[in-house]
Amino acid sequence: MRRSGVVLLGFLALLFVGCAKKKAEKQASEDDQLIREYLTDNGLTATKTESGLYYIVNVQGTGAPCNENSDVRVAYTGYYLDGNLFDQSSPEGIEFNLQNVIKGWTEGIPYFKEGGSGVLLIPSALAYGSDPPGGIRANAVMVFEVELLEVL
């Protein structure tokens, strides 16, 4: 009896993991479709990374490069694909370490050098996913216009 209970728990755990993986894959596919439609509708061309992040470099920048562990100062505007603004920095930007932000920023900001600017189109799994902080939509694709002001 004890062994069958362990086997049942193991089976249920595998079932749960399998369902969660399928749900995540479905969400990633939906996000990718939404991003591609947004790019087409707005006449934009972006580069897609292996993780599903899309980025557009408007100005590469000529200053210092950064990496996923850098401290940076970034000015940004964040909005949803429907154009609704959800966050914005001051023109002076905000300072942070790239390990302390959403995965889409950790990956995307290093595509720019200091003085660079562009757009990050971030699928929900690289943003806030299905359990976002207050005021942010669940499973939302996010668009950020960013300017890397300084690598600290």
Foldseek 3Di string as FASTA:
>chain_A
DVVVVVVVVVVVVVVVVVVVVVVVVVLLVVLLVLVVVLCVVVVHDWDADPVGKTWDWPFQDDAAADALFFKFFKWKWKDFSVRHTQDGDPPRGDIDTNVPAFQQSSPPVRSHHAQIWTKMFAFQVSHQAQDRPPPDHHRTTMMMTMHGHDTD
